[in-house]
Protein backbone atom coordinates (compact mmCIF):
# COMPACT_ATOMS: atom_id res chain seq x y z
CA MET A 1 -46.85 160.40 110.37
CA LYS A 2 -48.35 161.39 113.31
CA ARG A 3 -47.30 158.83 116.60
CA LEU A 4 -50.95 158.04 117.80
CA LEU A 5 -50.84 156.88 121.85
CA TYR A 6 -53.34 154.89 123.66
CA PHE A 7 -53.43 154.85 127.76
CA LEU A 8 -54.78 152.02 128.98
CA ILE A 9 -55.32 150.99 132.77
CA PHE A 10 -55.62 147.32 133.60
CA PHE A 11 -54.36 144.96 136.19
CA PHE A 12 -53.70 141.18 134.61
CA PRO A 13 -50.82 139.01 134.05
CA PHE A 14 -49.11 138.05 131.31
CA ILE A 15 -46.02 135.80 130.93
CA SER A 16 -42.43 137.39 128.78
CA ASN A 17 -39.51 134.67 128.88
CA GLY A 18 -40.60 133.32 132.00
CA GLN A 19 -41.31 135.41 133.94
CA GLU A 20 -44.48 137.28 135.60
CA TYR A 21 -45.55 140.59 135.15
CA LYS A 22 -48.82 142.20 136.59
CA VAL A 23 -49.00 145.17 134.62
CA GLY A 24 -50.70 148.28 136.07
CA GLU A 25 -50.55 150.95 133.22
CA CYS A 26 -50.08 151.13 129.56
CA ILE A 27 -48.71 153.30 126.72
CA LEU A 28 -48.65 152.06 123.25
CA ASP A 29 -46.90 154.27 120.96
CA SER A 30 -47.95 152.98 117.33
CA SER A 31 -45.57 154.20 115.13
CA THR A 32 -42.80 152.23 116.66
CA ASN A 33 -45.04 149.33 118.16
CA LYS A 34 -43.66 149.34 121.49
CA GLN A 35 -45.19 149.29 124.26
CA TYR A 36 -44.11 151.12 127.63
CA CYS A 37 -45.92 149.68 131.37
CA ILE A 38 -45.50 150.52 135.30
CA CYS A 39 -45.66 146.52 136.72
CA SER A 40 -45.06 144.80 139.63
CA ASP A 41 -43.25 141.29 139.81
CA SER A 42 -41.57 138.88 141.92
CA THR A 43 -38.85 140.61 142.63
CA THR A 44 -40.84 144.12 143.71
CA PHE A 45 -43.56 142.51 145.74
CA ASP A 46 -43.62 143.82 149.31
CA LYS A 47 -44.40 140.72 152.36
CA THR A 48 -46.44 143.51 154.19
CA ALA A 49 -47.98 145.66 151.44
CA GLY A 50 -48.40 142.99 148.56
CA ASP A 51 -47.74 144.25 144.86
CA SER A 52 -45.18 147.36 144.32
CA TYR A 53 -45.92 149.04 141.07
CA ARG A 54 -42.43 150.25 140.67
CA LEU A 55 -41.13 148.23 137.58
CA PHE A 56 -40.53 150.33 134.34
CA ILE A 57 -40.92 148.04 131.37
CA ILE A 58 -41.14 148.48 127.57
CA ARG A 59 -42.59 145.69 125.21
CA ASP A 60 -41.88 145.10 121.66
CA LYS A 61 -45.10 144.69 120.24
CA ASN A 62 -43.54 143.26 117.22
CA LEU A 63 -41.65 140.26 118.69
CA ASN A 64 -44.29 138.30 120.15
CA ASP A 65 -44.68 141.43 123.32
CA SER A 66 -41.33 140.51 124.21
CA VAL A 67 -39.96 142.27 127.43
CA CYS A 68 -36.29 144.81 125.68
CA GLU A 69 -36.09 146.01 129.10
CA ARG A 70 -36.71 146.27 132.32
CA ILE A 71 -36.31 149.39 134.44
CA TYR A 72 -36.52 148.73 138.62
CA LEU A 73 -37.97 151.99 140.11
CA LYS A 74 -36.85 152.94 143.74
CA ILE A 75 -39.59 152.71 145.97
CA ASN A 76 -42.01 155.34 145.36
CA ARG A 77 -42.70 156.85 149.48
CA SER A 78 -43.81 153.15 149.97
CA PRO A 79 -43.92 149.99 148.52
CA ASP A 80 -48.02 149.74 148.28
CA PHE A 81 -47.42 153.62 146.78
CA GLY A 82 -47.06 152.46 142.86
CA TYR A 83 -45.70 155.38 140.16
CA ARG A 84 -48.60 156.04 137.05
CA LEU A 85 -47.91 157.01 133.66
CA ASN A 86 -48.41 160.21 132.33
CA PRO A 87 -48.89 160.15 128.44
CA ASP A 88 -49.39 163.81 127.93
CA TYR A 89 -45.88 164.45 126.50
CA CYS A 90 -45.28 161.21 124.42
CA ASN A 91 -45.99 163.22 120.99
CA LYS A 92 -45.18 166.58 121.49
CA PHE A 93 -41.72 166.23 122.82
CA GLY A 94 -40.85 162.13 123.11
CA LEU A 95 -40.91 162.23 126.67
CA ILE A 96 -43.15 159.54 129.18
CA VAL A 97 -43.62 161.10 132.65
CA ILE A 98 -43.44 158.52 135.35
CA GLU A 99 -45.00 160.60 138.36
CA GLY A 100 -44.58 158.96 142.20
CA CYS A 101 -46.53 161.01 145.07
CA ASP A 102 -43.53 162.39 146.05
CA SER A 103 -40.87 162.20 143.18
CA PHE A 104 -40.68 161.78 139.08
CA TYR A 105 -38.68 160.18 136.63
CA LEU A 106 -38.81 161.12 132.66
CA TYR A 107 -38.28 158.99 130.02
CA SER A 108 -37.08 159.90 126.26
CA LEU A 109 -38.40 157.93 123.60
CA ARG A 110 -35.70 159.26 121.09
CA GLU A 111 -33.07 158.93 123.88
CA LYS A 112 -34.66 155.77 124.70
CA THR A 113 -32.79 156.66 128.36
CA ILE A 114 -34.75 157.40 131.95
CA SER A 115 -34.06 160.34 134.06
CA LYS A 116 -32.55 159.58 137.68
CA LYS A 117 -35.33 159.86 140.50
CA ILE A 118 -36.22 164.12 140.65
CA TRP A 119 -37.66 165.35 144.06
CA PRO A 120 -38.87 168.95 144.25
CA ASN A 121 -36.67 170.83 146.71
CA TYR A 122 -38.38 170.29 150.39
CA SER A 123 -36.50 173.08 152.15
CA GLY A 124 -38.26 175.24 153.83
CA CYS A 125 -41.65 173.95 153.88
CA GLU A 126 -43.43 172.85 156.32
CA PHE A 127 -45.92 170.18 156.47
CA SER A 128 -49.14 169.27 158.05
CA ASP A 129 -49.39 165.43 157.03
CA GLY A 130 -47.64 162.95 154.71
CA GLN A 131 -49.51 163.70 152.15
CA GLY A 132 -48.42 167.26 152.07
CA SER A 133 -45.12 166.77 149.93
CA TYR A 134 -47.71 164.97 147.24
CA ILE A 135 -47.08 166.56 143.34
CA SER A 136 -49.86 167.62 141.49
CA ASN A 137 -50.07 169.46 138.34
CA LEU A 138 -47.13 168.68 136.24
CA VAL A 139 -46.97 170.36 133.06
CA ILE A 140 -44.18 170.62 130.29
CA THR A 141 -43.80 174.04 128.80
CA ASP A 142 -41.16 176.02 126.95
CA ASP A 143 -41.05 173.54 124.18
CA GLY A 144 -40.03 170.50 126.23
CA LYS A 145 -37.07 172.25 128.46
CA ILE A 146 -39.16 172.81 131.22
CA LEU A 147 -41.11 171.03 133.68
CA GLN A 148 -43.35 172.28 136.63
CA LEU A 149 -45.58 171.16 139.34
CA LYS A 150 -47.03 171.73 142.26
CA VAL A 151 -46.35 170.25 145.79
CA ASN A 152 -48.88 170.44 147.95
CA GLU A 153 -48.45 173.25 151.38
CA CYS A 154 -45.18 173.57 149.41
CA GLY A 155 -45.85 175.58 145.99
CA LEU A 156 -45.17 175.77 142.74
CA HIS A 157 -41.36 173.90 141.50
CA LYS A 158 -39.79 174.25 137.80
CA PHE A 159 -36.66 172.10 136.78
CA ASN A 160 -34.97 172.99 133.28
CA ILE A 161 -35.24 169.34 131.11
CA ALA A 162 -33.35 170.09 128.41
CA ASP A 163 -30.85 167.35 129.58
CA ILE A 164 -32.39 164.47 130.40
CA ALA A 165 -29.42 163.38 132.79
CA ASN A 166 -28.32 166.82 134.44
CA ILE A 167 -32.07 167.46 135.45
CA LYS A 168 -31.59 171.07 137.49
CA GLU A 169 -34.64 172.87 139.79
CA ILE A 170 -34.67 175.86 139.15
């Protein structure tokens, strides 16, 4: 059965078990009825930057939208730089890419695990400003084993992602 996936962008709060979350983006996996979201809550709030969208939550739509898991991601360069979900590889490889401005995480739908935070190797790169190290053009190829991305002012970088617990730049 083909898995259908919906990508939703919205900012609205919801409450689960007394905890209020502000939703940034969600992906709904209709085959499992699980929803994967980037949110903020009171623990990620920054006094100067405001809401920090760096909480990855998994909600079960079969259980009244209850939160099954909360994963607090490391600050994305600055608290006001939120993470984004990239659903392009969910159906084909069972992976959700959680993109930061200069790093990323991978979440495996099959293994139900998340990678550590991954940065490209910036050695030998010189940046003209703070945006020089931003990643873009992220693509997964080779049957889900290679992730390639471009770093502004630093070129292409490739990662072996065959083992989500041991991602290495190649």
